[in-house]
Amino acid sequence: VNQDSVFKQVESEILSEKLDGIMRQCLTKREYDILRMRYGLGGRPAYT
């Protein structure tokens, strides 16, 4: 890939931070933890 991938990576990090903030605001701790595990958010592996 060309240099555009660098910008896409930065955009994805910003998007992840915004999404994490929204999740923390409207979910319970258990709901938050389960969604992070299920979808591999925050750099962790995704689980069934």
ModelCIF file with pLDDT and N, C-alpha, C, O atoms, coordinates in Angstrom:
data_MODEL
#
_entry.id   MODEL 
#
_entity.id                         1 
_entity.type                       polymer 
_entity.pdbx_number_of_molecules   1 
#
_entity_poly.entity_id                      1 
_entity_poly.type                           'polypeptide(L)' 
_entity_poly.nstd_linkage                   no 
_entity_poly.nstd_monomer                   no 
_entity_poly.pdbx_seq_one_letter_code       VNQDSVFKQVESEILSEKLDGIMRQCLTKREYDILRMRYGLGGRPAYT 
_entity_poly.pdbx_seq_one_letter_code_can   VNQDSVFKQVESEILSEKLDGIMRQCLTKREYDILRMRYGLGGRPAYT 
_entity_poly.pdbx_strand_id                 A 
#
loop_
_entity_poly_seq.entity_id 
_entity_poly_seq.num 
_entity_poly_seq.mon_id 
_entity_poly_seq.hetero 
1 1  VAL n 
1 2  ASN n 
1 3  GLN n 
1 4  ASP n 
1 5  SER n 
1 6  VAL n 
1 7  PHE n 
1 8  LYS n 
1 9  GLN n 
1 10 VAL n 
1 11 GLU n 
1 12 SER n 
1 13 GLU n 
1 14 ILE n 
1 15 LEU n 
1 16 SER n 
1 17 GLU n 
1 18 LYS n 
1 19 LEU n 
1 20 ASP n 
1 21 GLY n 
1 22 ILE n 
1 23 MET n 
1 24 ARG n 
1 25 GLN n 
1 26 CYS n 
1 27 LEU n 
1 28 THR n 
1 29 LYS n 
1 30 ARG n 
1 31 GLU n 
1 32 TYR n 
1 33 ASP n 
1 34 ILE n 
1 35 LEU n 
1 36 ARG n 
1 37 MET n 
1 38 ARG n 
1 39 TYR n 
1 40 GLY n 
1 41 LEU n 
1 42 GLY n 
1 43 GLY n 
1 44 ARG n 
1 45 PRO n 
1 46 ALA n 
1 47 TYR n 
1 48 THR n 
#
_struct_asym.id          A 
_struct_asym.entity_id   1 
#
loop_
_ma_qa_metric.id 
_ma_qa_metric.mode 
_ma_qa_metric.name 
_ma_qa_metric.software_group_id 
_ma_qa_metric.type 
1 global pLDDT . pLDDT 
2 local  pLDDT . pLDDT 
#
_ma_qa_metric_global.metric_id      1 
_ma_qa_metric_global.metric_value   72.44 
_ma_qa_metric_global.model_id       1 
_ma_qa_metric_global.ordinal_id     1 
#
loop_
_ma_qa_metric_local.label_asym_id 
_ma_qa_metric_local.label_comp_id 
_ma_qa_metric_local.label_seq_id 
_ma_qa_metric_local.metric_id 
_ma_qa_metric_local.metric_value 
_ma_qa_metric_local.model_id 
_ma_qa_metric_local.ordinal_id 
A VAL 1  2 44.00 1 1  
A ASN 2  2 41.00 1 2  
A GLN 3  2 37.00 1 3  
A ASP 4  2 44.00 1 4  
A SER 5  2 46.00 1 5  
A VAL 6  2 38.00 1 6  
A PHE 7  2 40.00 1 7  
A LYS 8  2 47.00 1 8  
A GLN 9  2 48.00 1 9  
A VAL 10 2 42.00 1 10 
A GLU 11 2 44.00 1 11 
A SER 12 2 54.00 1 12 
A GLU 13 2 59.00 1 13 
A ILE 14 2 55.00 1 14 
A LEU 15 2 62.00 1 15 
A SER 16 2 70.00 1 16 
A GLU 17 2 74.00 1 17 
A LYS 18 2 74.00 1 18 
A LEU 19 2 77.00 1 19 
A ASP 20 2 81.00 1 20 
A GLY 21 2 83.00 1 21 
A ILE 22 2 83.00 1 22 
A MET 23 2 86.00 1 23 
A ARG 24 2 88.00 1 24 
A GLN 25 2 88.00 1 25 
A CYS 26 2 88.00 1 26 
A LEU 27 2 90.00 1 27 
A THR 28 2 93.00 1 28 
A LYS 29 2 92.00 1 29 
A ARG 30 2 92.00 1 30 
A GLU 31 2 91.00 1 31 
A TYR 32 2 91.00 1 32 
A ASP 33 2 91.00 1 33 
A ILE 34 2 91.00 1 34 
A LEU 35 2 87.00 1 35 
A ARG 36 2 87.00 1 36 
A MET 37 2 89.00 1 37 
A ARG 38 2 87.00 1 38 
A TYR 39 2 82.00 1 39 
A GLY 40 2 81.00 1 40 
A LEU 41 2 78.00 1 41 
A GLY 42 2 72.00 1 42 
A GLY 43 2 71.00 1 43 
A ARG 44 2 75.00 1 44 
A PRO 45 2 83.00 1 45 
A ALA 46 2 84.00 1 46 
A TYR 47 2 88.00 1 47 
A THR 48 2 89.00 1 48 
#
loop_
_atom_site.group_PDB 
_atom_site.id 
_atom_site.type_symbol 
_atom_site.label_atom_id 
_atom_site.label_alt_id 
_atom_site.label_comp_id 
_atom_site.label_asym_id 
_atom_site.label_entity_id 
_atom_site.label_seq_id 
_atom_site.pdbx_PDB_ins_code 
_atom_site.Cartn_x 
_atom_site.Cartn_y 
_atom_site.Cartn_z 
_atom_site.occupancy 
_atom_site.B_iso_or_equiv 
_atom_site.pdbx_formal_charge 
_atom_site.auth_seq_id 
_atom_site.auth_comp_id 
_atom_site.auth_asym_id 
_atom_site.auth_atom_id 
_atom_site.pdbx_PDB_model_num 
ATOM 1   N N  . VAL A 1 1  ? 0.826   -1.200  0.000  1.00 44.00 ? 1  VAL A N  1 
ATOM 2   C CA . VAL A 1 1  ? 0.000   0.000   0.000  1.00 44.00 ? 1  VAL A CA 1 
ATOM 3   C C  . VAL A 1 1  ? 0.863   1.254   0.000  1.00 44.00 ? 1  VAL A C  1 
ATOM 4   O O  . VAL A 1 1  ? 2.044   1.215   0.344  1.00 44.00 ? 1  VAL A O  1 
ATOM 5   N N  . ASN A 1 2  ? 0.240   2.385   -0.400 1.00 41.00 ? 2  ASN A N  1 
ATOM 6   C CA . ASN A 1 2  ? 0.978   3.648   -0.433 1.00 41.00 ? 2  ASN A CA 1 
ATOM 7   C C  . ASN A 1 2  ? 0.817   4.404   0.869  1.00 41.00 ? 2  ASN A C  1 
ATOM 8   O O  . ASN A 1 2  ? 0.329   3.851   1.855  1.00 41.00 ? 2  ASN A O  1 
ATOM 9   N N  . GLN A 1 3  ? 1.224   5.662   0.880  1.00 37.00 ? 3  GLN A N  1 
ATOM 10  C CA . GLN A 1 3  ? 1.249   6.426   2.120  1.00 37.00 ? 3  GLN A CA 1 
ATOM 11  C C  . GLN A 1 3  ? -0.135  6.697   2.681  1.00 37.00 ? 3  GLN A C  1 
ATOM 12  O O  . GLN A 1 3  ? -0.259  7.044   3.856  1.00 37.00 ? 3  GLN A O  1 
ATOM 13  N N  . ASP A 1 4  ? -1.194  6.548   1.866  1.00 44.00 ? 4  ASP A N  1 
ATOM 14  C CA . ASP A 1 4  ? -2.544  6.785   2.367  1.00 44.00 ? 4  ASP A CA 1 
ATOM 15  C C  . ASP A 1 4  ? -2.858  5.902   3.565  1.00 44.00 ? 4  ASP A C  1 
ATOM 16  O O  . ASP A 1 4  ? -3.680  6.264   4.407  1.00 44.00 ? 4  ASP A O  1 
ATOM 17  N N  . SER A 1 5  ? -2.204  4.737   3.646  1.00 46.00 ? 5  SER A N  1 
ATOM 18  C CA . SER A 1 5  ? -2.478  3.814   4.745  1.00 46.00 ? 5  SER A CA 1 
ATOM 19  C C  . SER A 1 5  ? -2.108  4.435   6.090  1.00 46.00 ? 5  SER A C  1 
ATOM 20  O O  . SER A 1 5  ? -2.724  4.121   7.108  1.00 46.00 ? 5  SER A O  1 
ATOM 21  N N  . VAL A 1 6  ? -1.104  5.314   6.101  1.00 38.00 ? 6  VAL A N  1 
ATOM 22  C CA . VAL A 1 6  ? -0.706  5.979   7.346  1.00 38.00 ? 6  VAL A CA 1 
ATOM 23  C C  . VAL A 1 6  ? -1.843  6.854   7.857  1.00 38.00 ? 6  VAL A C  1 
ATOM 24  O O  . VAL A 1 6  ? -2.154  6.853   9.048  1.00 38.00 ? 6  VAL A O  1 
ATOM 25  N N  . PHE A 1 7  ? -2.459  7.601   6.945  1.00 40.00 ? 7  PHE A N  1 
ATOM 26  C CA . PHE A 1 7  ? -3.556  8.475   7.335  1.00 40.00 ? 7  PHE A CA 1 
ATOM 27  C C  . PHE A 1 7  ? -4.774  7.661   7.766  1.00 40.00 ? 7  PHE A C  1 
ATOM 28  O O  . PHE A 1 7  ? -5.483  8.042   8.697  1.00 40.00 ? 7  PHE A O  1 
ATOM 29  N N  . LYS A 1 8  ? -5.013  6.551   7.094  1.00 47.00 ? 8  LYS A N  1 
ATOM 30  C CA . LYS A 1 8  ? -6.139  5.698   7.464  1.00 47.00 ? 8  LYS A CA 1 
ATOM 31  C C  . LYS A 1 8  ? -5.939  5.131   8.870  1.00 47.00 ? 8  LYS A C  1 
ATOM 32  O O  . LYS A 1 8  ? -6.895  4.996   9.635  1.00 47.00 ? 8  LYS A O  1 
ATOM 33  N N  . GLN A 1 9  ? -4.698  4.802   9.200  1.00 48.00 ? 9  GLN A N  1 
ATOM 34  C CA . GLN A 1 9  ? -4.410  4.274   10.528 1.00 48.00 ? 9  GLN A CA 1 
ATOM 35  C C  . GLN A 1 9  ? -4.701  5.329   11.600 1.00 48.00 ? 9  GLN A C  1 
ATOM 36  O O  . GLN A 1 9  ? -5.275  5.029   12.647 1.00 48.00 ? 9  GLN A O  1 
ATOM 37  N N  . VAL A 1 10 ? -4.291  6.575   11.315 1.00 42.00 ? 10 VAL A N  1 
ATOM 38  C CA . VAL A 1 10 ? -4.547  7.665   12.263 1.00 42.00 ? 10 VAL A CA 1 
ATOM 39  C C  . VAL A 1 10 ? -6.048  7.877   12.432 1.00 42.00 ? 10 VAL A C  1 
ATOM 40  O O  . VAL A 1 10 ? -6.534  8.050   13.549 1.00 42.00 ? 10 VAL A O  1 
ATOM 41  N N  . GLU A 1 11 ? -6.785  7.864   11.310 1.00 44.00 ? 11 GLU A N  1 
ATOM 42  C CA . GLU A 1 11 ? -8.234  8.050   11.363 1.00 44.00 ? 11 GLU A CA 1 
ATOM 43  C C  . GLU A 1 11 ? -8.898  6.947   12.179 1.00 44.00 ? 11 GLU A C  1 
ATOM 44  O O  . GLU A 1 11 ? -9.823  7.202   12.950 1.00 44.00 ? 11 GLU A O  1 
ATOM 45  N N  . SER A 1 12 ? -8.411  5.705   11.999 1.00 54.00 ? 12 SER A N  1 
ATOM 46  C CA . SER A 1 12 ? -9.010  4.588   12.721 1.00 54.00 ? 12 SER A CA 1 
ATOM 47  C C  . SER A 1 12 ? -8.775  4.710   14.223 1.00 54.00 ? 12 SER A C  1 
ATOM 48  O O  . SER A 1 12 ? -9.632  4.337   15.024 1.00 54.00 ? 12 SER A O  1 
ATOM 49  N N  . GLU A 1 13 ? -7.603  5.237   14.601 1.00 59.00 ? 13 GLU A N  1 
ATOM 50  C CA . GLU A 1 13 ? -7.310  5.419   16.024 1.00 59.00 ? 13 GLU A CA 1 
ATOM 51  C C  . GLU A 1 13 ? -8.226  6.482   16.634 1.00 59.00 ? 13 GLU A C  1 
ATOM 52  O O  . GLU A 1 13 ? -8.704  6.327   17.758 1.00 59.00 ? 13 GLU A O  1 
ATOM 53  N N  . ILE A 1 14 ? -8.467  7.562   15.887 1.00 55.00 ? 14 ILE A N  1 
ATOM 54  C CA . ILE A 1 14 ? -9.366  8.611   16.372 1.00 55.00 ? 14 ILE A CA 1 
ATOM 55  C C  . ILE A 1 14 ? -10.775 8.072   16.517 1.00 55.00 ? 14 ILE A C  1 
ATOM 56  O O  . ILE A 1 14 ? -11.451 8.342   17.509 1.00 55.00 ? 14 ILE A O  1 
ATOM 57  N N  . LEU A 1 15 ? -11.218 7.307   15.522 1.00 62.00 ? 15 LEU A N  1 
ATOM 58  C CA . LEU A 1 15 ? -12.555 6.719   15.559 1.00 62.00 ? 15 LEU A CA 1 
ATOM 59  C C  . LEU A 1 15 ? -12.699 5.773   16.737 1.00 62.00 ? 15 LEU A C  1 
ATOM 60  O O  . LEU A 1 15 ? -13.733 5.762   17.406 1.00 62.00 ? 15 LEU A O  1 
ATOM 61  N N  . SER A 1 16 ? -11.676 4.986   16.991 1.00 70.00 ? 16 SER A N  1 
ATOM 62  C CA . SER A 1 16 ? -11.715 4.043   18.109 1.00 70.00 ? 16 SER A CA 1 
ATOM 63  C C  . SER A 1 16 ? -11.835 4.765   19.441 1.00 70.00 ? 16 SER A C  1 
ATOM 64  O O  . SER A 1 16 ? -12.576 4.333   20.324 1.00 70.00 ? 16 SER A O  1 
ATOM 65  N N  . GLU A 1 17 ? -11.104 5.868   19.586 1.00 74.00 ? 17 GLU A N  1 
ATOM 66  C CA . GLU A 1 17 ? -11.157 6.643   20.827 1.00 74.00 ? 17 GLU A CA 1 
ATOM 67  C C  . GLU A 1 17 ? -12.546 7.236   21.042 1.00 74.00 ? 17 GLU A C  1 
ATOM 68  O O  . GLU A 1 17 ? -13.063 7.215   22.159 1.00 74.00 ? 17 GLU A O  1 
ATOM 69  N N  . LYS A 1 18 ? -13.157 7.769   19.971 1.00 74.00 ? 18 LYS A N  1 
ATOM 70  C CA . LYS A 1 18 ? -14.495 8.341   20.086 1.00 74.00 ? 18 LYS A CA 1 
ATOM 71  C C  . LYS A 1 18 ? -15.509 7.267   20.462 1.00 74.00 ? 18 LYS A C  1 
ATOM 72  O O  . LYS A 1 18 ? -16.366 7.481   21.321 1.00 74.00 ? 18 LYS A O  1 
ATOM 73  N N  . LEU A 1 19 ? -15.404 6.119   19.816 1.00 77.00 ? 19 LEU A N  1 
ATOM 74  C CA . LEU A 1 19 ? -16.333 5.033   20.098 1.00 77.00 ? 19 LEU A CA 1 
ATOM 75  C C  . LEU A 1 19 ? -16.182 4.542   21.528 1.00 77.00 ? 19 LEU A C  1 
ATOM 76  O O  . LEU A 1 19 ? -17.174 4.257   22.199 1.00 77.00 ? 19 LEU A O  1 
ATOM 77  N N  . ASP A 1 20 ? -14.947 4.443   21.994 1.00 81.00 ? 20 ASP A N  1 
ATOM 78  C CA . ASP A 1 20 ? -14.707 3.993   23.366 1.00 81.00 ? 20 ASP A CA 1 
ATOM 79  C C  . ASP A 1 20 ? -15.334 4.961   24.371 1.00 81.00 ? 20 ASP A C  1 
ATOM 80  O O  . ASP A 1 20 ? -15.909 4.539   25.375 1.00 81.00 ? 20 ASP A O  1 
ATOM 81  N N  . GLY A 1 21 ? -15.220 6.257   24.095 1.00 83.00 ? 21 GLY A N  1 
ATOM 82  C CA . GLY A 1 21 ? -15.818 7.243   24.987 1.00 83.00 ? 21 GLY A CA 1 
ATOM 83  C C  . GLY A 1 21 ? -17.329 7.126   25.052 1.00 83.00 ? 21 GLY A C  1 
ATOM 84  O O  . GLY A 1 21 ? -17.920 7.239   26.125 1.00 83.00 ? 21 GLY A O  1 
ATOM 85  N N  . ILE A 1 22 ? -17.953 6.901   23.907 1.00 83.00 ? 22 ILE A N  1 
ATOM 86  C CA . ILE A 1 22 ? -19.413 6.738   23.857 1.00 83.00 ? 22 ILE A CA 1 
ATOM 87  C C  . ILE A 1 22 ? -19.833 5.492   24.625 1.00 83.00 ? 22 ILE A C  1 
ATOM 88  O O  . ILE A 1 22 ? -20.813 5.515   25.370 1.00 83.00 ? 22 ILE A O  1 
ATOM 89  N N  . MET A 1 23 ? -19.093 4.410   24.441 1.00 86.00 ? 23 MET A N  1 
ATOM 90  C CA . MET A 1 23 ? -19.422 3.160   25.126 1.00 86.00 ? 23 MET A CA 1 
ATOM 91  C C  . MET A 1 23 ? -19.326 3.317   26.642 1.00 86.00 ? 23 MET A C  1 
ATOM 92  O O  . MET A 1 23 ? -20.177 2.822   27.380 1.00 86.00 ? 23 MET A O  1 
ATOM 93  N N  . ARG A 1 24 ? -18.288 4.005   27.095 1.00 88.00 ? 24 ARG A N  1 
ATOM 94  C CA . ARG A 1 24 ? -18.110 4.198   28.537 1.00 88.00 ? 24 ARG A CA 1 
ATOM 95  C C  . ARG A 1 24 ? -19.245 5.031   29.130 1.00 88.00 ? 24 ARG A C  1 
ATOM 96  O O  . ARG A 1 24 ? -19.624 4.836   30.285 1.00 88.00 ? 24 ARG A O  1 
ATOM 97  N N  . GLN A 1 25 ? -19.783 5.955   28.343 1.00 88.00 ? 25 GLN A N  1 
ATOM 98  C CA . GLN A 1 25 ? -20.829 6.838   28.828 1.00 88.00 ? 25 GLN A CA 1 
ATOM 99  C C  . GLN A 1 25 ? -22.190 6.156   28.948 1.00 88.00 ? 25 GLN A C  1 
ATOM 100 O O  . GLN A 1 25 ? -22.946 6.437   29.878 1.00 88.00 ? 25 GLN A O  1 
ATOM 101 N N  . CYS A 1 26 ? -22.501 5.262   28.011 1.00 88.00 ? 26 CYS A N  1 
ATOM 102 C CA . CYS A 1 26 ? -23.870 4.737   27.981 1.00 88.00 ? 26 CYS A CA 1 
ATOM 103 C C  . CYS A 1 26 ? -24.005 3.262   28.368 1.00 88.00 ? 26 CYS A C  1 
ATOM 104 O O  . CYS A 1 26 ? -25.124 2.751   28.420 1.00 88.00 ? 26 CYS A O  1 
ATOM 105 N N  . LEU A 1 27 ? -22.910 2.573   28.639 1.00 90.00 ? 27 LEU A N  1 
ATOM 106 C CA . LEU A 1 27 ? -22.989 1.155   28.981 1.00 90.00 ? 27 LEU A CA 1 
ATOM 107 C C  . LEU A 1 27 ? -22.586 0.913   30.435 1.00 90.00 ? 27 LEU A C  1 
ATOM 108 O O  . LEU A 1 27 ? -21.843 1.687   31.038 1.00 90.00 ? 27 LEU A O  1 
ATOM 109 N N  . THR A 1 28 ? -23.105 -0.188  30.972 1.00 93.00 ? 28 THR A N  1 
ATOM 110 C CA . THR A 1 28 ? -22.616 -0.638  32.270 1.00 93.00 ? 28 THR A CA 1 
ATOM 111 C C  . THR A 1 28 ? -21.239 -1.262  32.067 1.00 93.00 ? 28 THR A C  1 
ATOM 112 O O  . THR A 1 28 ? -20.842 -1.536  30.934 1.00 93.00 ? 28 THR A O  1 
ATOM 113 N N  . LYS A 1 29 ? -20.519 -1.486  33.145 1.00 92.00 ? 29 LYS A N  1 
ATOM 114 C CA . LYS A 1 29 ? -19.184 -2.071  33.031 1.00 92.00 ? 29 LYS A CA 1 
ATOM 115 C C  . LYS A 1 29 ? -19.247 -3.449  32.388 1.00 92.00 ? 29 LYS A C  1 
ATOM 116 O O  . LYS A 1 29 ? -18.404 -3.781  31.554 1.00 92.00 ? 29 LYS A O  1 
ATOM 117 N N  . ARG A 1 30 ? -20.240 -4.258  32.766 1.00 92.00 ? 30 ARG A N  1 
ATOM 118 C CA . ARG A 1 30 ? -20.355 -5.599  32.182 1.00 92.00 ? 30 ARG A CA 1 
ATOM 119 C C  . ARG A 1 30 ? -20.644 -5.520  30.692 1.00 92.00 ? 30 ARG A C  1 
ATOM 120 O O  . ARG A 1 30 ? -20.047 -6.256  29.907 1.00 92.00 ? 30 ARG A O  1 
ATOM 121 N N  . GLU A 1 31 ? -21.550 -4.637  30.292 1.00 91.00 ? 31 GLU A N  1 
ATOM 122 C CA . GLU A 1 31 ? -21.857 -4.479  28.871 1.00 91.00 ? 31 GLU A CA 1 
ATOM 123 C C  . GLU A 1 31 ? -20.618 -4.015  28.104 1.00 91.00 ? 31 GLU A C  1 
ATOM 124 O O  . GLU A 1 31 ? -20.324 -4.515  27.018 1.00 91.00 ? 31 GLU A O  1 
ATOM 125 N N  . TYR A 1 32 ? -19.907 -3.068  28.674 1.00 91.00 ? 32 TYR A N  1 
ATOM 126 C CA . TYR A 1 32 ? -18.689 -2.534  28.046 1.00 91.00 ? 32 TYR A CA 1 
ATOM 127 C C  . TYR A 1 32 ? -17.651 -3.634  27.857 1.00 91.00 ? 32 TYR A C  1 
ATOM 128 O O  . TYR A 1 32 ? -17.078 -3.777  26.777 1.00 91.00 ? 32 TYR A O  1 
ATOM 129 N N  . ASP A 1 33 ? -17.415 -4.406  28.906 1.00 91.00 ? 33 ASP A N  1 
ATOM 130 C CA . ASP A 1 33 ? -16.405 -5.468  28.841 1.00 91.00 ? 33 ASP A CA 1 
ATOM 131 C C  . ASP A 1 33 ? -16.792 -6.530  27.820 1.00 91.00 ? 33 ASP A C  1 
ATOM 132 O O  . ASP A 1 33 ? -15.939 -7.025  27.082 1.00 91.00 ? 33 ASP A O  1 
ATOM 133 N N  . ILE A 1 34 ? -18.070 -6.882  27.776 1.00 91.00 ? 34 ILE A N  1 
ATOM 134 C CA . ILE A 1 34 ? -18.510 -7.935  26.853 1.00 91.00 ? 34 ILE A CA 1 
ATOM 135 C C  . ILE A 1 34 ? -18.361 -7.485  25.400 1.00 91.00 ? 34 ILE A C  1 
ATOM 136 O O  . ILE A 1 34 ? -17.904 -8.265  24.565 1.00 91.00 ? 34 ILE A O  1 
ATOM 137 N N  . LEU A 1 35 ? -18.734 -6.250  25.084 1.00 87.00 ? 35 LEU A N  1 
ATOM 138 C CA . LEU A 1 35 ? -18.598 -5.781  23.713 1.00 87.00 ? 35 LEU A CA 1 
ATOM 139 C C  . LEU A 1 35 ? -17.136 -5.690  23.293 1.00 87.00 ? 35 LEU A C  1 
ATOM 140 O O  . LEU A 1 35 ? -16.805 -6.005  22.150 1.00 87.00 ? 35 LEU A O  1 
ATOM 141 N N  . ARG A 1 36 ? -16.271 -5.271  24.180 1.00 87.00 ? 36 ARG A N  1 
ATOM 142 C CA . ARG A 1 36 ? -14.840 -5.222  23.855 1.00 87.00 ? 36 ARG A CA 1 
ATOM 143 C C  . ARG A 1 36 ? -14.291 -6.619  23.582 1.00 87.00 ? 36 ARG A C  1 
ATOM 144 O O  . ARG A 1 36 ? -13.467 -6.803  22.686 1.00 87.00 ? 36 ARG A O  1 
ATOM 145 N N  . MET A 1 37 ? -14.744 -7.592  24.349 1.00 89.00 ? 37 MET A N  1 
ATOM 146 C CA . MET A 1 37 ? -14.299 -8.968  24.130 1.00 89.00 ? 37 MET A CA 1 
ATOM 147 C C  . MET A 1 37 ? -14.885 -9.544  22.837 1.00 89.00 ? 37 MET A C  1 
ATOM 148 O O  . MET A 1 37 ? -14.190 -10.219 22.078 1.00 89.00 ? 37 MET A O  1 
ATOM 149 N N  . ARG A 1 38 ? -16.156 -9.272  22.598 1.00 87.00 ? 38 ARG A N  1 
ATOM 150 C CA . ARG A 1 38 ? -16.820 -9.854  21.436 1.00 87.00 ? 38 ARG A CA 1 
ATOM 151 C C  . ARG A 1 38 ? -16.285 -9.323  20.110 1.00 87.00 ? 38 ARG A C  1 
ATOM 152 O O  . ARG A 1 38 ? -16.194 -10.063 19.131 1.00 87.00 ? 38 ARG A O  1 
ATOM 153 N N  . TYR A 1 39 ? -15.928 -8.027  20.080 1.00 82.00 ? 39 TYR A N  1 
ATOM 154 C CA . TYR A 1 39 ? -15.557 -7.412  18.811 1.00 82.00 ? 39 TYR A CA 1 
ATOM 155 C C  . TYR A 1 39 ? -14.069 -7.060  18.706 1.00 82.00 ? 39 TYR A C  1 
ATOM 156 O O  . TYR A 1 39 ? -13.648 -6.414  17.747 1.00 82.00 ? 39 TYR A O  1 
ATOM 157 N N  . GLY A 1 40 ? -13.284 -7.483  19.688 1.00 81.00 ? 40 GLY A N  1 
ATOM 158 C CA . GLY A 1 40 ? -11.850 -7.250  19.596 1.00 81.00 ? 40 GLY A CA 1 
ATOM 159 C C  . GLY A 1 40 ? -11.479 -5.781  19.626 1.00 81.00 ? 40 GLY A C  1 
ATOM 160 O O  . GLY A 1 40 ? -10.514 -5.364  18.987 1.00 81.00 ? 40 GLY A O  1 
ATOM 161 N N  . LEU A 1 41 ? -12.249 -4.992  20.373 1.00 78.00 ? 41 LEU A N  1 
ATOM 162 C CA . LEU A 1 41 ? -11.965 -3.554  20.464 1.00 78.00 ? 41 LEU A CA 1 
ATOM 163 C C  . LEU A 1 41 ? -10.813 -3.306  21.431 1.00 78.00 ? 41 LEU A C  1 
ATOM 164 O O  . LEU A 1 41 ? -10.575 -4.090  22.350 1.00 78.00 ? 41 LEU A O  1 
ATOM 165 N N  . GLY A 1 42 ? -10.111 -2.212  21.209 1.00 72.00 ? 42 GLY A N  1 
ATOM 166 C CA . GLY A 1 42 ? -8.994  -1.880  22.075 1.00 72.00 ? 42 GLY A CA 1 
ATOM 167 C C  . GLY A 1 42 ? -7.760  -2.715  21.826 1.00 72.00 ? 42 GLY A C  1 
ATOM 168 O O  . GLY A 1 42 ? -6.890  -2.820  22.691 1.00 72.00 ? 42 GLY A O  1 
ATOM 169 N N  . GLY A 1 43 ? -7.676  -3.320  20.633 1.00 71.00 ? 43 GLY A N  1 
ATOM 170 C CA . GLY A 1 43 ? -6.485  -4.087  20.283 1.00 71.00 ? 43 GLY A CA 1 
ATOM 171 C C  . GLY A 1 43 ? -6.454  -5.507  20.803 1.00 71.00 ? 43 GLY A C  1 
ATOM 172 O O  . GLY A 1 43 ? -5.473  -6.220  20.594 1.00 71.00 ? 43 GLY A O  1 
ATOM 173 N N  . ARG A 1 44 ? -7.521  -5.937  21.485 1.00 75.00 ? 44 ARG A N  1 
ATOM 174 C CA . ARG A 1 44 ? -7.553  -7.302  21.997 1.00 75.00 ? 44 ARG A CA 1 
ATOM 175 C C  . ARG A 1 44 ? -8.152  -8.240  20.955 1.00 75.00 ? 44 ARG A C  1 
ATOM 176 O O  . ARG A 1 44 ? -8.807  -7.773  20.023 1.00 75.00 ? 44 ARG A O  1 
ATOM 177 N N  . PRO A 1 45 ? -7.944  -9.560  21.087 1.00 83.00 ? 45 PRO A N  1 
ATOM 178 C CA . PRO A 1 45 ? -8.555  -10.489 20.131 1.00 83.00 ? 45 PRO A CA 1 
ATOM 179 C C  . PRO A 1 45 ? -10.073 -10.557 20.312 1.00 83.00 ? 45 PRO A C  1 
ATOM 180 O O  . PRO A 1 45 ? -10.583 -10.370 21.417 1.00 83.00 ? 45 PRO A O  1 
ATOM 181 N N  . ALA A 1 46 ? -10.779 -10.824 19.228 1.00 84.00 ? 46 ALA A N  1 
ATOM 182 C CA . ALA A 1 46 ? -12.239 -10.956 19.296 1.00 84.00 ? 46 ALA A CA 1 
ATOM 183 C C  . ALA A 1 46 ? -12.587 -12.398 19.669 1.00 84.00 ? 46 ALA A C  1 
ATOM 184 O O  . ALA A 1 46 ? -11.989 -13.341 19.151 1.00 84.00 ? 46 ALA A O  1 
ATOM 185 N N  . TYR A 1 47 ? -13.554 -12.559 20.567 1.00 88.00 ? 47 TYR A N  1 
ATOM 186 C CA . TYR A 1 47 ? -13.974 -13.881 21.009 1.00 88.00 ? 47 TYR A CA 1 
ATOM 187 C C  . TYR A 1 47 ? -15.399 -14.170 20.563 1.00 88.00 ? 47 TYR A C  1 
ATOM 188 O O  . TYR A 1 47 ? -16.207 -13.254 20.417 1.00 88.00 ? 47 TYR A O  1 
ATOM 189 N N  . THR A 1 48 ? -15.702 -15.434 20.348 1.00 89.00 ? 48 THR A N  1 
ATOM 190 C CA . THR A 1 48 ? -17.068 -15.839 20.052 1.00 89.00 ? 48 THR A CA 1 
ATOM 191 C C  . THR A 1 48 ? -17.918 -15.672 21.304 1.00 89.00 ? 48 THR A C  1 
ATOM 192 O O  . THR A 1 48 ? -19.115 -15.958 21.281 1.00 89.00 ? 48 THR A O  1 
#
